[in-house]
């Protein structure tokens, strides 16, 4: 982890692309820190939710005119590829001297392709996927894993420190994405295992609060157990206590598990846990539960009080 500041935050002029469930609170935090100078999203109504309509750029060229750093937080690889490398994308709009920070979870291959494309246009690139979900994005407590050029990382570290509580630099482009994919495999598999374990505990004459206290004191403890046990009301403000509002959407967990499958195939790894988790979250999406928090996987495992999921989540 490296938290040394190489220059003051107010010297960074940031343009933000992608004001979705994660991007919106991140952009708000940057605006409150005085770093956000412009933003762009295909949904202009969402972009206005940042709180200052004058920040909204009508196009990417306008966004670049007032920014020396561009942060992207987009939901799909296709959207990211188009925004950065497309015919009317960032690279095509004179990116020389600019810095791109992509903070979504993508394949290492795409990240390396973005790195090459940005550098060929005279710019600098950093990948910086995040962990912590929408709650961490709102609170500015994300864990950020950065990779790329280390000098670029040191220059933009003040902005990353506004968004995250822990910031790591881990090596060349692609390295951060590999670690983030590995993390999401661990988390999604853990959440599914917790749902399965809880399906054994819940039908018994055991106080749920006592059960959670015991399990978190034992070797099976984890952050996922403390925040995703599928018992409404047991952990206040956790997704299971708010109708499984995300959090971390199941369809995005499935996307990341698919990236993990691709990575496993390229590495020649045998991954039975990954295959089981991928099957479960595929089932969630097929059942129309993809926009719920991934902890709603409990609905597919055993029988608990989570059968009544409640209202569908809306975008944050």
Protein backbone atom coordinates (compact mmCIF):
# COMPACT_ATOMS: atom_id res chain seq x y z
CA UNK A 1 0.00 0.00 0.00
CA UNK A 2 1.28 3.46 -0.86
CA UNK A 3 -0.44 6.53 0.56
CA UNK A 4 2.32 9.11 -0.02
CA UNK A 5 1.06 12.24 -1.75
CA UNK A 6 3.12 13.52 -4.66
CA UNK A 7 1.06 16.68 -5.25
CA UNK A 8 -1.93 18.42 -3.71
CA UNK A 9 -5.40 17.17 -4.72
CA UNK A 10 -6.56 20.60 -5.88
CA UNK A 11 -4.08 20.52 -8.77
CA UNK A 12 -5.90 17.58 -10.35
CA UNK A 13 -8.69 18.39 -12.82
CA UNK A 14 -10.84 15.30 -13.19
CA UNK A 15 -13.43 14.36 -15.79
CA UNK A 16 -15.65 11.42 -14.86
CA UNK A 17 -17.34 9.03 -17.32
CA UNK A 18 -20.03 6.61 -16.12
CA UNK A 19 -22.36 7.88 -13.40
CA UNK A 20 -24.03 4.60 -12.47
CA UNK A 21 -24.55 2.83 -9.16
CA UNK A 22 -20.83 3.01 -8.31
CA UNK A 23 -19.84 6.01 -10.39
CA UNK A 24 -22.44 8.39 -8.97
CA UNK A 25 -21.25 8.36 -5.32
CA UNK A 26 -17.63 8.36 -6.47
CA UNK A 27 -18.23 11.45 -8.61
CA UNK A 28 -20.02 13.14 -5.72
CA UNK A 29 -17.03 12.53 -3.44
CA UNK A 30 -14.66 13.98 -6.04
CA UNK A 31 -16.90 17.05 -6.44
CA UNK A 32 -16.97 17.59 -2.69
CA UNK A 33 -13.16 17.39 -2.66
CA UNK A 34 -12.99 20.06 -5.37
CA UNK A 35 -11.44 17.72 -7.94
CA UNK A 36 -14.34 17.07 -10.32
CA UNK A 37 -14.37 19.50 -13.25
CA UNK A 38 -16.68 17.72 -15.70
CA UNK A 39 -18.63 14.51 -16.16
CA UNK A 40 -20.25 12.56 -18.96
CA UNK A 41 -22.92 9.88 -19.05
CA UNK A 42 -25.32 8.81 -21.77
CA UNK A 43 -28.06 9.29 -19.18
CA UNK A 44 -27.93 13.03 -18.56
CA UNK A 45 -30.54 12.77 -15.79
CA UNK A 46 -28.22 10.57 -13.75
CA UNK A 47 -25.31 12.87 -14.42
CA UNK A 48 -27.29 15.79 -12.97
CA UNK A 49 -27.67 13.83 -9.73
CA UNK A 50 -24.04 14.65 -8.93
CA UNK A 51 -25.33 18.01 -7.76
CA UNK A 52 -23.93 20.58 -10.18
CA UNK A 53 -25.57 20.69 -13.64
CA UNK A 54 -22.76 22.89 -14.96
CA UNK A 55 -20.37 19.95 -14.69
CA UNK A 56 -22.29 17.98 -17.30
CA UNK A 57 -20.32 17.80 -20.58
CA UNK A 58 -22.36 17.34 -23.78
CA UNK A 59 -19.62 15.20 -25.33
CA UNK A 60 -16.24 13.63 -24.69
CA UNK A 61 -14.33 16.43 -26.40
CA UNK A 62 -15.98 18.90 -23.99
CA UNK A 63 -15.10 16.68 -21.04
CA UNK A 64 -11.46 16.54 -22.13
CA UNK A 65 -11.20 20.29 -22.63
CA UNK A 66 -11.47 20.94 -18.90
CA UNK A 67 -9.71 17.85 -17.55
CA UNK A 68 -6.22 16.45 -17.38
CA UNK A 69 -7.34 13.18 -15.72
CA UNK A 70 -10.31 11.10 -16.89
CA UNK A 71 -11.83 8.40 -14.67
CA UNK A 72 -14.06 5.78 -16.27
CA UNK A 73 -16.48 3.60 -14.30
CA UNK A 74 -18.56 1.76 -16.90
CA UNK A 75 -20.72 -1.38 -16.53
CA UNK A 76 -19.52 -3.44 -19.50
CA UNK A 77 -16.34 -4.05 -21.45
CA UNK A 78 -18.10 -3.09 -24.68
CA UNK A 79 -19.05 0.32 -23.25
CA UNK A 80 -15.52 0.88 -21.95
CA UNK A 81 -13.92 -0.15 -25.25
CA UNK A 82 -16.20 2.20 -27.17
CA UNK A 83 -15.67 5.18 -24.84
CA UNK A 84 -11.88 4.83 -24.88
CA UNK A 85 -10.98 3.33 -28.25
CA UNK A 86 -14.07 3.95 -30.40
CA UNK A 87 -14.18 6.18 -33.45
CA UNK A 88 -15.45 9.06 -31.31
CA UNK A 89 -13.83 7.89 -28.09
CA UNK A 90 -11.33 9.50 -25.75
CA UNK A 91 -8.24 8.44 -27.69
CA UNK A 92 -9.70 9.85 -30.92
CA UNK A 93 -10.28 13.23 -29.21
CA UNK A 94 -6.65 14.28 -28.79
CA UNK A 95 -5.66 12.51 -25.58
CA UNK A 96 -2.04 13.67 -25.62
CA UNK A 97 -0.88 14.69 -22.16
CA UNK A 98 -4.00 13.30 -20.49
CA UNK A 99 -4.29 10.44 -17.97
CA UNK A 100 -6.94 7.73 -18.05
CA UNK A 101 -7.85 5.83 -14.87
CA UNK A 102 -10.24 2.95 -15.46
CA UNK A 103 -11.83 1.82 -12.19
CA UNK A 104 -14.12 -0.95 -13.44
CA UNK A 105 -13.37 -4.67 -13.31
CA UNK A 106 -12.34 -5.92 -16.75
CA UNK A 107 -10.23 -8.64 -18.28
CA UNK A 108 -6.47 -8.15 -18.01
CA UNK A 109 -6.31 -8.35 -21.81
CA UNK A 110 -8.66 -5.41 -22.29
CA UNK A 111 -6.79 -3.36 -19.70
CA UNK A 112 -3.51 -3.98 -21.49
CA UNK A 113 -5.14 -3.03 -24.79
CA UNK A 114 -6.37 0.22 -23.27
CA UNK A 115 -2.88 0.87 -21.94
CA UNK A 116 -1.38 0.48 -25.41
CA UNK A 117 -4.06 2.61 -27.04
CA UNK A 118 -3.75 5.45 -24.55
CA UNK A 119 0.04 5.48 -24.67
CA UNK A 120 0.01 5.46 -28.49
CA UNK A 121 -2.06 8.66 -28.29
CA UNK A 122 0.50 10.31 -26.02
CA UNK A 123 -1.45 9.75 -22.81
CA UNK A 124 -0.94 7.78 -19.60
CA UNK A 125 -3.02 4.90 -18.27
CA UNK A 126 -3.76 3.35 -14.90
CA UNK A 127 -6.14 0.53 -14.04
CA UNK A 128 -7.65 0.87 -10.57
CA UNK A 129 -10.51 -1.59 -9.92
CA UNK A 130 -12.25 -1.21 -6.58
CA UNK A 131 -13.73 -3.36 -3.84
CA UNK A 132 -16.34 -2.28 -1.31
CA UNK A 133 -19.56 -1.99 -3.29
CA UNK A 134 -21.94 0.94 -3.35
CA UNK A 135 -21.70 1.42 0.43
CA UNK A 136 -17.94 1.85 0.18
CA UNK A 137 -18.31 4.16 -2.80
CA UNK A 138 -20.67 6.43 -0.85
CA UNK A 139 -18.46 6.47 2.25
CA UNK A 140 -15.19 6.89 0.35
CA UNK A 141 -13.85 3.73 1.98
CA UNK A 142 -13.23 1.60 -1.11
CA UNK A 143 -10.18 -0.61 -1.44
CA UNK A 144 -8.44 0.39 -4.67
CA UNK A 145 -5.98 -1.84 -6.53
CA UNK A 146 -3.89 0.16 -8.99
CA UNK A 147 -1.57 -1.06 -11.73
CA UNK A 148 0.25 0.47 -14.67
CA UNK A 149 3.03 3.04 -14.65
CA UNK A 150 4.16 3.74 -11.09
CA UNK A 151 4.90 7.41 -11.80
CA UNK A 152 1.37 7.86 -13.06
CA UNK A 153 0.09 6.20 -9.92
CA UNK A 154 2.01 8.60 -7.68
CA UNK A 155 0.67 11.59 -9.61
CA UNK A 156 -2.99 10.59 -9.27
CA UNK A 157 -2.78 9.02 -5.80
CA UNK A 158 -4.45 12.07 -4.12
CA UNK A 159 -7.60 11.49 -6.18
CA UNK A 160 -7.60 7.78 -5.39
CA UNK A 161 -7.26 8.58 -1.69
CA UNK A 162 -10.46 10.64 -1.87
CA UNK A 163 -12.31 7.57 -3.13
CA UNK A 164 -10.65 4.84 -1.10
CA UNK A 165 -9.50 4.04 2.40
CA UNK A 166 -6.80 1.61 1.26
CA UNK A 167 -4.92 2.06 -2.00
CA UNK A 168 -2.45 -0.50 -3.35
CA UNK A 169 -0.05 -0.34 -6.29
CA UNK A 170 0.63 -3.87 -7.53
CA UNK A 171 2.61 -3.69 -10.79
CA UNK A 172 2.11 -3.40 -14.56
CA UNK A 173 -1.22 -3.10 -16.35
CA UNK A 174 -3.27 -6.28 -15.93
CA UNK A 175 -1.99 -7.15 -12.45
CA UNK A 176 -4.70 -5.25 -10.60
CA UNK A 177 -7.44 -6.83 -12.70
CA UNK A 178 -6.11 -10.31 -11.96
CA UNK A 179 -6.19 -9.61 -8.21
CA UNK A 180 -9.66 -8.07 -8.41
CA UNK A 181 -11.01 -11.07 -10.34
CA UNK A 182 -9.46 -13.41 -7.75
CA UNK A 183 -11.05 -11.34 -4.97
CA UNK A 184 -14.49 -11.47 -6.53
CA UNK A 185 -14.21 -15.23 -6.99
CA UNK A 186 -13.42 -15.54 -3.27
CA UNK A 187 -16.24 -13.21 -2.25
CA UNK A 188 -18.96 -14.66 -4.49
CA UNK A 189 -18.05 -18.23 -3.55
CA UNK A 190 -17.99 -17.29 0.13
CA UNK A 191 -21.43 -15.66 -0.06
CA UNK A 192 -22.84 -18.80 -1.68
CA UNK A 193 -21.21 -21.01 0.98
CA UNK A 194 -22.67 -18.77 3.72
CA UNK A 195 -26.15 -19.15 2.25
CA UNK A 196 -25.68 -22.91 2.20
CA UNK A 197 -24.38 -23.02 5.78
CA UNK A 198 -27.23 -20.80 6.97
CA UNK A 199 -29.76 -23.14 5.37
CA UNK A 200 -28.51 -25.77 7.84
CA UNK A 201 -28.63 -23.45 10.87
CA UNK A 202 -31.85 -21.54 10.26
CA UNK A 203 -34.41 -24.35 10.66
CA UNK A 204 -33.01 -25.29 14.07
CA UNK A 205 -34.02 -23.94 17.48
CA UNK A 206 -31.01 -21.61 17.63
CA UNK A 207 -31.21 -17.87 18.12
CA UNK A 208 -29.95 -16.39 14.82
CA UNK A 209 -28.02 -13.66 16.66
CA UNK A 210 -26.24 -16.27 18.77
CA UNK A 211 -25.53 -18.37 15.69
CA UNK A 212 -23.90 -15.43 13.92
CA UNK A 213 -21.90 -14.51 17.03
CA UNK A 214 -20.56 -18.05 17.29
CA UNK A 215 -19.76 -18.42 13.59
CA UNK A 216 -17.92 -15.10 13.45
CA UNK A 217 -15.81 -16.25 16.41
CA UNK A 218 -14.86 -19.50 14.64
CA UNK A 219 -12.55 -20.37 11.78
CA UNK A 220 -15.31 -19.86 9.21
CA UNK A 221 -15.45 -16.12 9.92
CA UNK A 222 -15.14 -13.68 7.00
CA UNK A 223 -16.18 -10.21 5.93
CA UNK A 224 -18.84 -11.84 3.77
CA UNK A 225 -20.30 -13.64 6.80
CA UNK A 226 -20.45 -10.38 8.76
CA UNK A 227 -22.20 -8.49 5.96
CA UNK A 228 -24.14 -11.05 3.90
CA UNK A 229 -25.67 -13.61 6.27
CA UNK A 230 -29.12 -14.11 4.66
CA UNK A 231 -31.24 -13.27 7.71
CA UNK A 232 -33.26 -10.06 7.35
CA UNK A 233 -32.79 -7.74 10.32
CA UNK A 234 -29.83 -9.61 11.78
CA UNK A 235 -27.17 -7.24 10.43
CA UNK A 236 -28.64 -3.70 10.20
CA UNK A 237 -28.12 -1.94 6.85
CA UNK A 238 -26.71 -5.09 5.22
CA UNK A 239 -28.30 -6.03 1.86
CA UNK A 240 -30.36 -8.92 3.34
CA UNK A 241 -31.90 -6.40 5.78
CA UNK A 242 -32.99 -4.01 3.03
CA UNK A 243 -34.72 -6.37 0.64
CA UNK A 244 -31.41 -7.44 -0.93
CA UNK A 245 -30.83 -4.03 -2.47
CA UNK A 246 -27.20 -3.99 -3.65
CA UNK A 247 -24.44 -3.93 -2.55
CA UNK A 248 -22.99 -5.95 -5.34
CA UNK A 249 -25.46 -6.93 -8.02
CA UNK A 250 -25.66 -10.61 -8.85
CA UNK A 251 -25.37 -9.94 -12.59
CA UNK A 252 -22.11 -8.08 -12.01
CA UNK A 253 -20.83 -10.92 -9.83
CA UNK A 254 -21.64 -13.29 -12.69
CA UNK A 255 -19.76 -11.03 -15.12
CA UNK A 256 -16.70 -11.15 -12.89
CA UNK A 257 -16.97 -14.92 -12.44
CA UNK A 258 -17.02 -15.23 -16.22
CA UNK A 259 -13.80 -13.21 -16.32
CA UNK A 260 -12.38 -15.61 -13.73
CA UNK A 261 -13.32 -18.59 -15.95
CA UNK A 262 -11.49 -17.02 -18.87
CA UNK A 263 -8.45 -16.40 -16.67
CA UNK A 264 -8.55 -19.98 -15.34
CA UNK A 265 -8.72 -21.35 -18.88
CA UNK A 266 -5.72 -19.31 -19.98
CA UNK A 267 -3.78 -20.49 -16.90
CA UNK A 268 -4.81 -24.13 -17.31
CA UNK A 269 -6.31 -24.16 -13.82
CA UNK A 270 -8.92 -26.62 -12.57
CA UNK A 271 -11.56 -24.60 -10.71
CA UNK A 272 -14.48 -26.66 -9.36
CA UNK A 273 -15.49 -23.98 -6.82
CA UNK A 274 -15.56 -21.36 -9.55
CA UNK A 275 -17.76 -23.58 -11.72
CA UNK A 276 -20.20 -24.15 -8.86
CA UNK A 277 -20.41 -20.43 -8.07
CA UNK A 278 -20.80 -19.53 -11.73
CA UNK A 279 -23.69 -21.97 -12.01
CA UNK A 280 -25.45 -20.53 -8.96
CA UNK A 281 -25.22 -16.90 -10.05
CA UNK A 282 -26.20 -17.86 -13.60
CA UNK A 283 -29.30 -19.35 -12.01
CA UNK A 284 -29.98 -16.08 -10.20
CA UNK A 285 -29.79 -14.06 -13.38
CA UNK A 286 -31.95 -16.56 -15.26
CA UNK A 287 -34.52 -16.33 -12.45
CA UNK A 288 -34.73 -12.56 -12.86
CA UNK A 289 -32.77 -11.81 -9.68
CA UNK A 290 -29.71 -10.33 -11.36
CA UNK A 291 -30.26 -6.81 -10.05
CA UNK A 292 -30.50 -7.95 -6.44
CA UNK A 293 -27.47 -8.19 -4.20
CA UNK A 294 -25.56 -11.41 -4.73
CA UNK A 295 -26.53 -12.53 -1.20
CA UNK A 296 -30.02 -13.22 -2.60
CA UNK A 297 -28.43 -16.43 -3.88
CA UNK A 298 -29.91 -17.78 -0.64
CA UNK A 299 -33.21 -17.99 -2.50
CA UNK A 300 -31.70 -20.76 -4.62
CA UNK A 301 -30.17 -22.63 -1.68
CA UNK A 302 -32.22 -24.48 0.93
CA UNK A 303 -35.11 -22.61 2.51
CA UNK A 304 -34.80 -19.56 4.75
CA UNK A 305 -36.86 -16.49 5.59
CA UNK A 306 -35.36 -14.86 2.52
CA UNK A 307 -38.00 -16.31 0.21
CA UNK A 308 -39.84 -12.97 0.26
CA UNK A 309 -37.26 -10.72 -1.32
CA UNK A 310 -39.31 -7.54 -1.30
CA UNK A 311 -39.21 -4.74 -3.78
CA UNK A 312 -36.86 -4.73 -6.72
CA UNK A 313 -33.84 -2.48 -6.31
CA UNK A 314 -33.57 0.72 -8.24
CA UNK A 315 -30.28 2.23 -9.38
CA UNK A 316 -28.56 4.21 -6.68
